[in-house]
Amino acid sequence: MQAVLDAFEPLGVTGEGIGQYGIIAPDVDLRAVMDLLVAGVADGRWDDEEGCVTDAWLAL
């Protein structure tokens, strides 16, 4: 879990984990976050499941 959080830290993303991890991304470059999520899924570092997302996220 910490490796995932560490991967997003350079993008200004902070988060915490309880059981399954959650990532909170206020006021960050959403495109960079999306690109990193997609790359991590593609190379098997993690899976991605969207829960509650904003209109800005959906517009990417």
Protein backbone atom coordinates (compact mmCIF):
# COMPACT_ATOMS: atom_id res chain seq x y z
CA MET A 1 0.00 0.00 0.00
CA GLN A 2 2.76 2.48 0.84
CA ALA A 3 4.42 1.92 -2.55
CA VAL A 4 1.20 3.02 -4.26
CA LEU A 5 0.91 6.13 -2.10
CA ASP A 6 4.58 6.90 -2.73
CA ALA A 7 4.06 6.65 -6.51
CA PHE A 8 1.42 9.40 -6.41
CA GLU A 9 3.17 11.68 -3.91
CA PRO A 10 5.19 13.56 -6.60
CA LEU A 11 1.85 14.56 -8.14
CA GLY A 12 0.75 16.19 -4.89
CA VAL A 13 -1.65 13.37 -4.09
CA THR A 14 -2.07 12.34 -0.49
CA GLY A 15 -3.96 9.37 0.84
CA GLU A 16 -4.40 6.82 3.55
CA GLY A 17 -5.41 3.22 3.70
CA ILE A 18 -7.79 1.24 5.82
CA GLY A 19 -8.18 -2.32 4.59
CA GLN A 20 -8.27 -1.43 0.93
CA TYR A 21 -6.47 1.82 0.14
CA GLY A 22 -8.17 5.05 -0.86
CA ILE A 23 -6.47 7.91 -2.65
CA ILE A 24 -7.67 11.46 -2.23
CA ALA A 25 -6.53 13.94 -4.87
CA PRO A 26 -7.58 17.53 -4.18
CA ASP A 27 -6.27 20.30 -6.45
CA VAL A 28 -3.82 18.20 -8.44
CA ASP A 29 -3.13 17.62 -12.13
CA LEU A 30 -5.91 15.13 -12.79
CA ARG A 31 -4.48 14.16 -16.18
CA ALA A 32 -1.17 13.18 -14.55
CA VAL A 33 -3.03 11.15 -11.92
CA MET A 34 -5.13 9.41 -14.59
CA ASP A 35 -2.02 8.65 -16.67
CA LEU A 36 -0.25 7.13 -13.67
CA LEU A 37 -3.33 5.07 -12.75
CA VAL A 38 -3.58 3.71 -16.28
CA ALA A 39 0.15 2.91 -16.41
CA GLY A 40 0.02 1.15 -13.03
CA VAL A 41 -2.91 -1.01 -14.11
CA ALA A 42 -1.22 -1.81 -17.44
CA ASP A 43 1.98 -3.00 -15.80
CA GLY A 44 0.29 -4.86 -12.95
CA ARG A 45 1.32 -2.61 -10.04
CA TRP A 46 -2.31 -2.17 -8.95
CA ASP A 47 -5.95 -2.38 -9.97
CA ASP A 48 -8.19 0.65 -10.29
CA GLU A 49 -11.84 0.94 -9.36
CA GLU A 50 -13.62 4.28 -9.46
CA GLY A 51 -16.07 5.01 -6.70
CA CYS A 52 -17.24 8.58 -6.32
CA VAL A 53 -15.63 10.81 -8.94
CA THR A 54 -16.10 14.42 -9.99
CA ASP A 55 -17.28 15.77 -13.31
CA ALA A 56 -13.70 16.95 -13.95
CA TRP A 57 -12.47 13.36 -13.57
CA LEU A 58 -15.14 12.03 -15.90
CA ALA A 59 -14.19 14.63 -18.52
CA LEU A 60 -10.64 13.23 -18.86
